[in-house]
Each structure stands twice: as structure tokens, then as C-alpha cells.
PDB file of all heavy atoms in Angstrom:
ATOM      1  N   VAL A   1       2.626 -96.357  39.790  1.00  0.00           N
ATOM      2  CA  VAL A   1       3.280 -96.378  41.090  1.00  0.00           C
ATOM      3  C   VAL A   1       2.283 -95.970  42.166  1.00  0.00           C
ATOM      4  O   VAL A   1       1.268 -95.365  41.887  1.00  0.00           O
ATOM      5  CB  VAL A   1       4.508 -95.446  41.130  1.00  0.00           C
ATOM      6  CG1 VAL A   1       5.581 -95.900  40.162  1.00  0.00           C
ATOM      7  CG2 VAL A   1       4.111 -94.023  40.825  1.00  0.00           C
ATOM      8  N   ALA A   2       2.632 -96.272  43.394  1.00  0.00           N
ATOM      9  CA  ALA A   2       1.791 -95.889  44.491  1.00  0.00           C
ATOM     10  C   ALA A   2       2.388 -94.774  45.319  1.00  0.00           C
ATOM     11  O   ALA A   2       1.835 -94.344  46.310  1.00  0.00           O
ATOM     12  CB  ALA A   2       1.522 -97.098  45.396  1.00  0.00           C
ATOM     13  N   ALA A   3       3.539 -94.239  44.879  1.00  0.00           N
ATOM     14  CA  ALA A   3       4.270 -93.311  45.676  1.00  0.00           C
ATOM     15  C   ALA A   3       3.501 -92.027  45.988  1.00  0.00           C
ATOM     16  O   ALA A   3       3.687 -91.416  47.016  1.00  0.00           O
ATOM     17  CB  ALA A   3       5.588 -92.915  44.954  1.00  0.00           C
ATOM     18  N   THR A   4       2.601 -91.628  45.082  1.00  0.00           N
ATOM     19  CA  THR A   4       1.862 -90.387  45.309  1.00  0.00           C
ATOM     20  C   THR A   4       1.013 -90.478  46.572  1.00  0.00           C
ATOM     21  O   THR A   4       0.759 -89.458  47.205  1.00  0.00           O
ATOM     22  CB  THR A   4       0.913 -90.111  44.108  1.00  0.00           C
ATOM     23  OG1 THR A   4       0.143 -91.288  43.868  1.00  0.00           O
ATOM     24  CG2 THR A   4       1.688 -89.735  42.887  1.00  0.00           C
ATOM     25  N   GLN A   5       0.594 -91.630  46.975  1.00  0.00           N
ATOM     26  CA  GLN A   5      -0.218 -91.786  48.180  1.00  0.00           C
ATOM     27  C   GLN A   5       0.597 -91.526  49.451  1.00  0.00           C
ATOM     28  O   GLN A   5       0.043 -91.225  50.467  1.00  0.00           O
ATOM     29  CB  GLN A   5      -0.816 -93.189  48.238  1.00  0.00           C
ATOM     30  CG  GLN A   5      -1.635 -93.574  47.012  1.00  0.00           C
ATOM     31  CD  GLN A   5      -1.941 -95.035  47.029  1.00  0.00           C
ATOM     32  OE1 GLN A   5      -2.328 -95.562  48.049  1.00  0.00           O
ATOM     33  NE2 GLN A   5      -1.751 -95.705  45.912  1.00  0.00           N
ATOM     34  N   LYS A   6       1.897 -91.721  49.338  1.00  0.00           N
ATOM     35  CA  LYS A   6       2.747 -91.637  50.536  1.00  0.00           C
ATOM     36  C   LYS A   6       3.432 -90.261  50.654  1.00  0.00           C
ATOM     37  O   LYS A   6       4.268 -90.067  51.509  1.00  0.00           O
ATOM     38  CB  LYS A   6       3.798 -92.737  50.474  1.00  0.00           C
ATOM     39  CG  LYS A   6       3.136 -94.141  50.413  1.00  0.00           C
ATOM     40  CD  LYS A   6       4.177 -95.219  50.203  1.00  0.00           C
ATOM     41  CE  LYS A   6       3.515 -96.585  50.050  1.00  0.00           C
ATOM     42  NZ  LYS A   6       4.487 -97.644  49.751  1.00  0.00           N
ATOM     43  N   GLN A   7       3.092 -89.337  49.720  1.00  0.00           N
ATOM     44  CA  GLN A   7       3.716 -88.042  49.742  1.00  0.00           C
ATOM     45  C   GLN A   7       2.661 -86.959  49.709  1.00  0.00           C
ATOM     46  O   GLN A   7       2.699 -86.000  48.962  1.00  0.00           O
ATOM     47  CB  GLN A   7       4.654 -87.899  48.514  1.00  0.00           C
ATOM     48  CG  GLN A   7       5.785 -88.947  48.503  1.00  0.00           C
ATOM     49  CD  GLN A   7       6.536 -88.929  47.207  1.00  0.00           C
ATOM     50  OE1 GLN A   7       6.212 -88.211  46.295  1.00  0.00           O
ATOM     51  NE2 GLN A   7       7.577 -89.720  47.123  1.00  0.00           N
ATOM     52  N   ALA A   8       1.669 -87.096  50.585  1.00  0.00           N
ATOM     53  CA  ALA A   8       0.498 -86.213  50.549  1.00  0.00           C
ATOM     54  C   ALA A   8       0.895 -84.769  50.783  1.00  0.00           C
ATOM     55  O   ALA A   8       0.236 -83.855  50.253  1.00  0.00           O
ATOM     56  CB  ALA A   8      -0.533 -86.649  51.574  1.00  0.00           C
ATOM     57  N   SER A   9       1.908 -84.494  51.563  1.00  0.00           N
ATOM     58  CA  SER A   9       2.247 -83.117  51.887  1.00  0.00           C
ATOM     59  C   SER A   9       3.087 -82.441  50.798  1.00  0.00           C
ATOM     60  O   SER A   9       3.248 -81.227  50.841  1.00  0.00           O
ATOM     61  CB  SER A   9       3.027 -83.084  53.216  1.00  0.00           C
ATOM     62  OG  SER A   9       4.242 -83.816  53.106  1.00  0.00           O
ATOM     63  N   ALA A  10       3.614 -83.204  49.855  1.00  0.00           N
ATOM     64  CA  ALA A  10       4.504 -82.665  48.869  1.00  0.00           C
ATOM     65  C   ALA A  10       3.725 -82.212  47.625  1.00  0.00           C
ATOM     66  O   ALA A  10       3.890 -82.710  46.538  1.00  0.00           O
ATOM     67  CB  ALA A  10       5.557 -83.721  48.469  1.00  0.00           C
ATOM     68  N   LEU A  11       2.896 -81.176  47.811  1.00  0.00           N
ATOM     69  CA  LEU A  11       2.141 -80.638  46.694  1.00  0.00           C
ATOM     70  C   LEU A  11       3.054 -79.727  45.862  1.00  0.00           C
ATOM     71  O   LEU A  11       3.831 -78.930  46.431  1.00  0.00           O
ATOM     72  CB  LEU A  11       0.935 -79.829  47.185  1.00  0.00           C
ATOM     73  CG  LEU A  11      -0.150 -80.593  47.962  1.00  0.00           C
ATOM     74  CD1 LEU A  11      -1.253 -79.609  48.345  1.00  0.00           C
ATOM     75  CD2 LEU A  11      -0.661 -81.756  47.198  1.00  0.00           C
ATOM     76  N   PRO A  12       2.985 -79.806  44.551  1.00  0.00           N
ATOM     77  CA  PRO A  12       3.788 -78.869  43.712  1.00  0.00           C
ATOM     78  C   PRO A  12       3.337 -77.419  43.983  1.00  0.00           C
ATOM     79  O   PRO A  12       2.169 -77.181  44.310  1.00  0.00           O
ATOM     80  CB  PRO A  12       3.424 -79.294  42.284  1.00  0.00           C
ATOM     81  CG  PRO A  12       2.877 -80.660  42.397  1.00  0.00           C
ATOM     82  CD  PRO A  12       2.207 -80.749  43.730  1.00  0.00           C
ATOM     83  N   PRO A  13       4.233 -76.478  43.848  1.00  0.00           N
ATOM     84  CA  PRO A  13       3.835 -75.057  43.985  1.00  0.00           C
ATOM     85  C   PRO A  13       2.744 -74.692  42.969  1.00  0.00           C
ATOM     86  O   PRO A  13       2.728 -75.242  41.875  1.00  0.00           O
ATOM     87  CB  PRO A  13       5.155 -74.302  43.687  1.00  0.00           C
ATOM     88  CG  PRO A  13       6.229 -75.306  43.957  1.00  0.00           C
ATOM     89  CD  PRO A  13       5.662 -76.639  43.572  1.00  0.00           C
ATOM     90  N   ILE A  14       1.900 -73.786  43.362  1.00  0.00           N
ATOM     91  CA  ILE A  14       0.775 -73.362  42.510  1.00  0.00           C
ATOM     92  C   ILE A  14       1.009 -71.951  42.017  1.00  0.00           C
ATOM     93  O   ILE A  14       1.386 -71.073  42.808  1.00  0.00           O
ATOM     94  CB  ILE A  14      -0.561 -73.463  43.301  1.00  0.00           C
ATOM     95  CG1 ILE A  14      -0.843 -74.968  43.686  1.00  0.00           C
ATOM     96  CG2 ILE A  14      -1.721 -72.893  42.483  1.00  0.00           C
ATOM     97  CD1 ILE A  14      -1.967 -75.113  44.645  1.00  0.00           C
ATOM     98  N   LEU A  15       0.835 -71.757  40.733  1.00  0.00           N
ATOM     99  CA  LEU A  15       1.162 -70.451  40.139  1.00  0.00           C
ATOM    100  C   LEU A  15       0.208 -69.355  40.598  1.00  0.00           C
ATOM    101  O   LEU A  15      -0.953 -69.586  40.847  1.00  0.00           O
ATOM    102  CB  LEU A  15       1.065 -70.556  38.614  1.00  0.00           C
ATOM    103  CG  LEU A  15       2.133 -71.409  37.909  1.00  0.00           C
ATOM    104  CD1 LEU A  15       1.833 -71.405  36.408  1.00  0.00           C
ATOM    105  CD2 LEU A  15       3.513 -70.892  38.168  1.00  0.00           C
ATOM    106  N   LYS A  16       0.772 -68.129  40.642  1.00  0.00           N
ATOM    107  CA  LYS A  16      -0.064 -66.972  40.884  1.00  0.00           C
ATOM    108  C   LYS A  16      -0.846 -66.622  39.606  1.00  0.00           C
ATOM    109  O   LYS A  16      -0.548 -67.120  38.508  1.00  0.00           O
ATOM    110  CB  LYS A  16       0.830 -65.788  41.325  1.00  0.00           C
ATOM    111  CG  LYS A  16       1.494 -66.014  42.678  1.00  0.00           C
ATOM    112  CD  LYS A  16       2.314 -64.810  43.089  1.00  0.00           C
ATOM    113  CE  LYS A  16       2.946 -65.025  44.449  1.00  0.00           C
ATOM    114  NZ  LYS A  16       3.757 -63.843  44.861  1.00  0.00           N
ATOM    115  N   ALA A  17      -1.813 -65.737  39.742  1.00  0.00           N
ATOM    116  CA  ALA A  17      -2.742 -65.432  38.665  1.00  0.00           C
ATOM    117  C   ALA A  17      -2.040 -64.978  37.399  1.00  0.00           C
ATOM    118  O   ALA A  17      -2.363 -65.484  36.296  1.00  0.00           O
ATOM    119  CB  ALA A  17      -3.750 -64.366  39.088  1.00  0.00           C
ATOM    120  N   ARG A  18      -1.068 -64.102  37.486  1.00  0.00           N
ATOM    121  CA  ARG A  18      -0.406 -63.601  36.289  1.00  0.00           C
ATOM    122  C   ARG A  18       0.387 -64.701  35.594  1.00  0.00           C
ATOM    123  O   ARG A  18       0.380 -64.808  34.346  1.00  0.00           O
ATOM    124  CB  ARG A  18       0.492 -62.425  36.624  1.00  0.00           C
ATOM    125  CG  ARG A  18       1.087 -61.773  35.393  1.00  0.00           C
ATOM    126  CD  ARG A  18       1.751 -60.449  35.736  1.00  0.00           C
ATOM    127  NE  ARG A  18       2.196 -59.780  34.526  1.00  0.00           N
ATOM    128  CZ  ARG A  18       2.686 -58.533  34.538  1.00  0.00           C
ATOM    129  NH1 ARG A  18       2.820 -57.860  35.666  1.00  0.00           N
ATOM    130  NH2 ARG A  18       3.083 -57.964  33.420  1.00  0.00           N
ATOM    131  N   ASP A  19       1.072 -65.521  36.371  1.00  0.00           N
ATOM    132  CA  ASP A  19       1.821 -66.630  35.778  1.00  0.00           C
ATOM    133  C   ASP A  19       0.892 -67.684  35.154  1.00  0.00           C
ATOM    134  O   ASP A  19       1.217 -68.275  34.111  1.00  0.00           O
ATOM    135  CB  ASP A  19       2.710 -67.275  36.833  1.00  0.00           C
ATOM    136  CG  ASP A  19       3.798 -66.346  37.292  1.00  0.00           C
ATOM    137  OD1 ASP A  19       4.248 -65.513  36.473  1.00  0.00           O
ATOM    138  OD2 ASP A  19       4.201 -66.447  38.473  1.00  0.00           O
ATOM    139  N   ARG A  20      -0.261 -67.883  35.768  1.00  0.00           N
ATOM    140  CA  ARG A  20      -1.250 -68.780  35.160  1.00  0.00           C
ATOM    141  C   ARG A  20      -1.699 -68.261  33.812  1.00  0.00           C
ATOM    142  O   ARG A  20      -1.783 -68.995  32.809  1.00  0.00           O
ATOM    143  CB  ARG A  20      -2.453 -68.942  36.070  1.00  0.00           C
ATOM    144  CG  ARG A  20      -2.199 -69.668  37.368  1.00  0.00           C
ATOM    145  CD  ARG A  20      -3.528 -69.986  38.047  1.00  0.00           C
ATOM    146  NE  ARG A  20      -3.347 -70.219  39.461  1.00  0.00           N
ATOM    147  CZ  ARG A  20      -4.278 -70.695  40.274  1.00  0.00           C
ATOM    148  NH1 ARG A  20      -5.472 -71.001  39.796  1.00  0.00           N
ATOM    149  NH2 ARG A  20      -4.047 -70.852  41.571  1.00  0.00           N
ATOM    150  N   ALA A  21      -1.994 -66.944  33.766  1.00  0.00           N
ATOM    151  CA  ALA A  21      -2.441 -66.337  32.520  1.00  0.00           C
ATOM    152  C   ALA A  21      -1.382 -66.457  31.423  1.00  0.00           C
ATOM    153  O   ALA A  21      -1.712 -66.760  30.268  1.00  0.00           O
ATOM    154  CB  ALA A  21      -2.814 -64.870  32.758  1.00  0.00           C
ATOM    155  N   THR A  22      -0.124 -66.179  31.793  1.00  0.00           N
ATOM    156  CA  THR A  22       0.940 -66.281  30.803  1.00  0.00           C
ATOM    157  C   THR A  22       1.056 -67.687  30.228  1.00  0.00           C
ATOM    158  O   THR A  22       1.208 -67.891  29.018  1.00  0.00           O
ATOM    159  CB  THR A  22       2.295 -65.890  31.480  1.00  0.00           C
ATOM    160  OG1 THR A  22       2.217 -64.537  31.924  1.00  0.00           O
ATOM    161  CG2 THR A  22       3.440 -66.037  30.491  1.00  0.00           C
ATOM    162  N   THR A  23       0.943 -68.682  31.107  1.00  0.00           N
ATOM    163  CA  THR A  23       1.013 -70.071  30.671  1.00  0.00           C
ATOM    164  C   THR A  23      -0.184 -70.449  29.828  1.00  0.00           C
ATOM    165  O   THR A  23      -0.041 -71.050  28.761  1.00  0.00           O
ATOM    166  CB  THR A  23       1.089 -71.000  31.916  1.00  0.00           C
ATOM    167  OG1 THR A  23       2.231 -70.630  32.699  1.00  0.00           O
ATOM    168  CG2 THR A  23       1.217 -72.435  31.498  1.00  0.00           C
ATOM    169  N   GLU A  24      -1.374 -70.061  30.269  1.00  0.00           N
ATOM    170  CA  GLU A  24      -2.583 -70.403  29.509  1.00  0.00           C
ATOM    171  C   GLU A  24      -2.549 -69.768  28.110  1.00  0.00           C
ATOM    172  O   GLU A  24      -2.912 -70.401  27.135  1.00  0.00           O
ATOM    173  CB  GLU A  24      -3.814 -69.952  30.268  1.00  0.00           C
ATOM    174  CG  GLU A  24      -4.092 -70.755  31.535  1.00  0.00           C
ATOM    175  CD  GLU A  24      -5.199 -70.171  32.410  1.00  0.00           C
ATOM    176  OE1 GLU A  24      -5.788 -69.142  31.959  1.00  0.00           O
ATOM    177  OE2 GLU A  24      -5.441 -70.711  33.519  1.00  0.00           O
ATOM    178  N   ASN A  25      -2.107 -68.504  28.037  1.00  0.00           N
ATOM    179  CA  ASN A  25      -2.078 -67.824  26.741  1.00  0.00           C
ATOM    180  C   ASN A  25      -1.043 -68.434  25.824  1.00  0.00           C
ATOM    181  O   ASN A  25      -1.239 -68.538  24.585  1.00  0.00           O
ATOM    182  CB  ASN A  25      -1.797 -66.348  26.934  1.00  0.00           C
ATOM    183  CG  ASN A  25      -2.968 -65.596  27.566  1.00  0.00           C
ATOM    184  OD1 ASN A  25      -4.096 -66.087  27.548  1.00  0.00           O
ATOM    185  ND2 ASN A  25      -2.715 -64.424  28.090  1.00  0.00           N
ATOM    186  N   ALA A  26       0.096 -68.849  26.347  1.00  0.00           N
ATOM    187  CA  ALA A  26       1.123 -69.495  25.537  1.00  0.00           C
ATOM    188  C   ALA A  26       0.615 -70.790  24.976  1.00  0.00           C
ATOM    189  O   ALA A  26       0.836 -71.127  23.805  1.00  0.00           O
ATOM    190  CB  ALA A  26       2.385 -69.705  26.369  1.00  0.00           C
ATOM    191  N   ILE A  27      -0.072 -71.572  25.803  1.00  0.00           N
ATOM    192  CA  ILE A  27      -0.586 -72.829  25.351  1.00  0.00           C
ATOM    193  C   ILE A  27      -1.696 -72.619  24.313  1.00  0.00           C
ATOM    194  O   ILE A  27      -1.769 -73.342  23.288  1.00  0.00           O
ATOM    195  CB  ILE A  27      -1.102 -73.653  26.539  1.00  0.00           C
ATOM    196  CG1 ILE A  27       0.075 -74.129  27.400  1.00  0.00           C
ATOM    197  CG2 ILE A  27      -1.923 -74.866  26.077  1.00  0.00           C
ATOM    198  CD1 ILE A  27      -0.326 -74.840  28.687  1.00  0.00           C
ATOM    199  N   LEU A  28      -2.574 -71.621  24.531  1.00  0.00           N
ATOM    200  CA  LEU A  28      -3.623 -71.347  23.567  1.00  0.00           C
ATOM    201  C   LEU A  28      -3.024 -70.973  22.208  1.00  0.00           C
ATOM    202  O   LEU A  28      -3.501 -71.409  21.161  1.00  0.00           O
ATOM    203  CB  LEU A  28      -4.536 -70.238  24.108  1.00  0.00           C
ATOM    204  CG  LEU A  28      -5.647 -69.779  23.168  1.00  0.00           C
ATOM    205  CD1 LEU A  28      -6.536 -70.908  22.727  1.00  0.00           C
ATOM    206  CD2 LEU A  28      -6.466 -68.659  23.821  1.00  0.00           C
ATOM    207  N   ALA A  29      -1.975 -70.130  22.229  1.00  0.00           N
ATOM    208  CA  ALA A  29      -1.359 -69.731  20.992  1.00  0.00           C
ATOM    209  C   ALA A  29      -0.787 -70.958  20.263  1.00  0.00           C
ATOM    210  O   ALA A  29      -0.925 -71.079  19.020  1.00  0.00           O
ATOM    211  CB  ALA A  29      -0.233 -68.715  21.266  1.00  0.00           C
ATOM    212  N   GLU A  30      -0.161 -71.857  21.018  1.00  0.00           N
ATOM    213  CA  GLU A  30       0.366 -73.081  20.402  1.00  0.00           C
ATOM    214  C   GLU A  30      -0.742 -73.897  19.787  1.00  0.00           C
ATOM    215  O   GLU A  30      -0.638 -74.412  18.672  1.00  0.00           O
ATOM    216  CB  GLU A  30       1.116 -73.884  21.437  1.00  0.00           C
ATOM    217  CG  GLU A  30       1.664 -75.201  20.880  1.00  0.00           C
ATOM    218  CD  GLU A  30       2.159 -76.147  21.986  1.00  0.00           C
ATOM    219  OE1 GLU A  30       1.423 -76.342  22.973  1.00  0.00           O
ATOM    220  OE2 GLU A  30       3.246 -76.672  21.828  1.00  0.00           O
ATOM    221  N   ARG A  31      -1.867 -74.006  20.515  1.00  0.00           N
ATOM    222  CA  ARG A  31      -2.988 -74.798  20.000  1.00  0.00           C
ATOM    223  C   ARG A  31      -3.544 -74.200  18.708  1.00  0.00           C
ATOM    224  O   ARG A  31      -3.811 -74.933  17.727  1.00  0.00           O
ATOM    225  CB  ARG A  31      -4.108 -74.857  21.055  1.00  0.00           C
ATOM    226  CG  ARG A  31      -3.738 -75.747  22.255  1.00  0.00           C
ATOM    227  CD  ARG A  31      -4.882 -75.791  23.262  1.00  0.00           C
ATOM    228  NE  ARG A  31      -6.102 -76.273  22.689  1.00  0.00           N
ATOM    229  CZ  ARG A  31      -6.415 -77.545  22.471  1.00  0.00           C
ATOM    230  NH1 ARG A  31      -5.530 -78.489  22.821  1.00  0.00           N
ATOM    231  NH2 ARG A  31      -7.547 -77.911  21.921  1.00  0.00           N
ATOM    232  N   LEU A  32      -3.719 -72.893  18.700  1.00  0.00           N
ATOM    233  CA  LEU A  32      -4.253 -72.235  17.482  1.00  0.00           C
ATOM    234  C   LEU A  32      -3.279 -72.395  16.331  1.00  0.00           C
ATOM    235  O   LEU A  32      -3.693 -72.597  15.167  1.00  0.00           O
ATOM    236  CB  LEU A  32      -4.529 -70.766  17.779  1.00  0.00           C
ATOM    237  CG  LEU A  32      -5.703 -70.483  18.746  1.00  0.00           C
ATOM    238  CD1 LEU A  32      -5.690 -69.014  19.140  1.00  0.00           C
ATOM    239  CD2 LEU A  32      -7.032 -70.869  18.098  1.00  0.00           C
ATOM    240  N   ASP A  33      -2.012 -72.284  16.572  1.00  0.00           N
ATOM    241  CA  ASP A  33      -0.998 -72.336  15.500  1.00  0.00           C
ATOM    242  C   ASP A  33      -0.869 -73.759  14.925  1.00  0.00           C
ATOM    243  O   ASP A  33      -0.572 -73.889  13.717  1.00  0.00           O
ATOM    244  CB  ASP A  33       0.370 -71.912  16.029  1.00  0.00           C
ATOM    245  CG  ASP A  33       0.452 -70.387  16.245  1.00  0.00           C
ATOM    246  OD1 ASP A  33      -0.388 -69.671  15.704  1.00  0.00           O
ATOM    247  OD2 ASP A  33       1.382 -69.971  16.992  1.00  0.00           O
ATOM    248  N   THR A  34      -1.091 -74.762  15.743  1.00  0.00           N
ATOM    249  CA  THR A  34      -0.775 -76.138  15.281  1.00  0.00           C
ATOM    250  C   THR A  34      -2.014 -76.989  15.027  1.00  0.00           C
ATOM    251  O   THR A  34      -2.083 -77.707  14.032  1.00  0.00           O
ATOM    252  CB  THR A  34       0.100 -76.844  16.308  1.00  0.00           C
ATOM    253  OG1 THR A  34      -0.552 -76.887  17.578  1.00  0.00           O
ATOM    254  CG2 THR A  34       1.438 -76.114  16.468  1.00  0.00           C
ATOM    255  N   ILE A  35      -3.007 -76.928  15.922  1.00  0.00           N
ATOM    256  CA  ILE A  35      -4.163 -77.809  15.782  1.00  0.00           C
ATOM    257  C   ILE A  35      -5.101 -77.337  14.670  1.00  0.00           C
ATOM    258  O   ILE A  35      -5.617 -78.153  13.882  1.00  0.00           O
ATOM    259  CB  ILE A  35      -4.906 -77.938  17.116  1.00  0.00           C
ATOM    260  CG1 ILE A  35      -3.996 -78.557  18.164  1.00  0.00           C
ATOM    261  CG2 ILE A  35      -6.156 -78.783  16.943  1.00  0.00           C
ATOM    262  CD1 ILE A  35      -4.646 -78.667  19.547  1.00  0.00           C
ATOM    263  N   ILE A  36      -5.382 -76.045  14.599  1.00  0.00           N
ATOM    264  CA  ILE A  36      -6.356 -75.528  13.629  1.00  0.00           C
ATOM    265  C   ILE A  36      -5.975 -75.892  12.204  1.00  0.00           C
ATOM    266  O   ILE A  36      -6.800 -76.459  11.455  1.00  0.00           O
ATOM    267  CB  ILE A  36      -6.544 -73.999  13.797  1.00  0.00           C
ATOM    268  CG1 ILE A  36      -7.255 -73.702  15.118  1.00  0.00           C
ATOM    269  CG2 ILE A  36      -7.348 -73.472  12.629  1.00  0.00           C
ATOM    270  CD1 ILE A  36      -8.665 -74.272  15.227  1.00  0.00           C
ATOM    271  N   PRO A  37      -4.747 -75.639  11.739  1.00  0.00           N
ATOM    272  CA  PRO A  37      -4.432 -76.019  10.366  1.00  0.00           C
ATOM    273  C   PRO A  37      -4.546 -77.531  10.152  1.00  0.00           C
ATOM    274  O   PRO A  37      -5.041 -77.989   9.088  1.00  0.00           O
ATOM    275  CB  PRO A  37      -2.951 -75.577  10.204  1.00  0.00           C
ATOM    276  CG  PRO A  37      -2.777 -74.505  11.222  1.00  0.00           C
ATOM    277  CD  PRO A  37      -3.630 -74.893  12.381  1.00  0.00           C
ATOM    278  N   MET A  38      -4.141 -78.318  11.149  1.00  0.00           N
ATOM    279  CA  MET A  38      -4.179 -79.779  11.003  1.00  0.00           C
ATOM    280  C   MET A  38      -5.596 -80.261  10.835  1.00  0.00           C
ATOM    281  O   MET A  38      -5.903 -81.061   9.909  1.00  0.00           O
ATOM    282  CB  MET A  38      -3.538 -80.425  12.255  1.00  0.00           C
ATOM    283  CG  MET A  38      -3.639 -81.941  12.261  1.00  0.00           C
ATOM    284  SD  MET A  38      -3.021 -82.672  13.793  1.00  0.00           S
ATOM    285  CE  MET A  38      -4.325 -82.269  14.924  1.00  0.00           C
ATOM    286  N   ILE A  39      -6.526 -79.848  11.697  1.00  0.00           N
ATOM    287  CA  ILE A  39      -7.861 -80.412  11.652  1.00  0.00           C
ATOM    288  C   ILE A  39      -8.677 -79.855  10.481  1.00  0.00           C
ATOM    289  O   ILE A  39      -9.521 -80.589   9.909  1.00  0.00           O
ATOM    290  CB  ILE A  39      -8.593 -80.217  12.983  1.00  0.00           C
ATOM    291  CG1 ILE A  39      -8.812 -78.732  13.335  1.00  0.00           C
ATOM    292  CG2 ILE A  39      -7.845 -80.916  14.099  1.00  0.00           C
ATOM    293  CD1 ILE A  39      -9.640 -78.501  14.593  1.00  0.00           C
ATOM    294  N   MET A  40      -8.452 -78.574  10.075  1.00  0.00           N
ATOM    295  CA  MET A  40      -9.234 -78.057   8.936  1.00  0.00           C
ATOM    296  C   MET A  40      -8.831 -78.780   7.663  1.00  0.00           C
ATOM    297  O   MET A  40      -9.704 -79.120   6.842  1.00  0.00           O
ATOM    298  CB  MET A  40      -9.005 -76.563   8.819  1.00  0.00           C
ATOM    299  CG  MET A  40      -9.703 -75.743   9.921  1.00  0.00           C
ATOM    300  SD  MET A  40      -9.596 -73.945   9.719  1.00  0.00           S
ATOM    301  CE  MET A  40     -10.641 -73.713   8.276  1.00  0.00           C
TER     302      MET A  40
END
């Protein structure tokens, strides 16, 4: 779609540092739990 070009001002909210860290750590835990056993 081309709609993103017409909504330049509608940026999604950006997380604060602590919320970013919580999200990053949760994703990392998921990656370690699921990807490592699969690929080894």
C-alpha cells in the first residue's frame, strides 16, 4: 500500500528506556529458549 506516505505525522509512540529494556529482554529470552535448541 502507499498509505504510509500520506500519514507522515502519525508516528507510533516510542517506548521509554525501561520499557524498551523489558521488551528486548523478553524477546531475547524467547530466542534463547526456542532458537538455540532448534539450531543445535
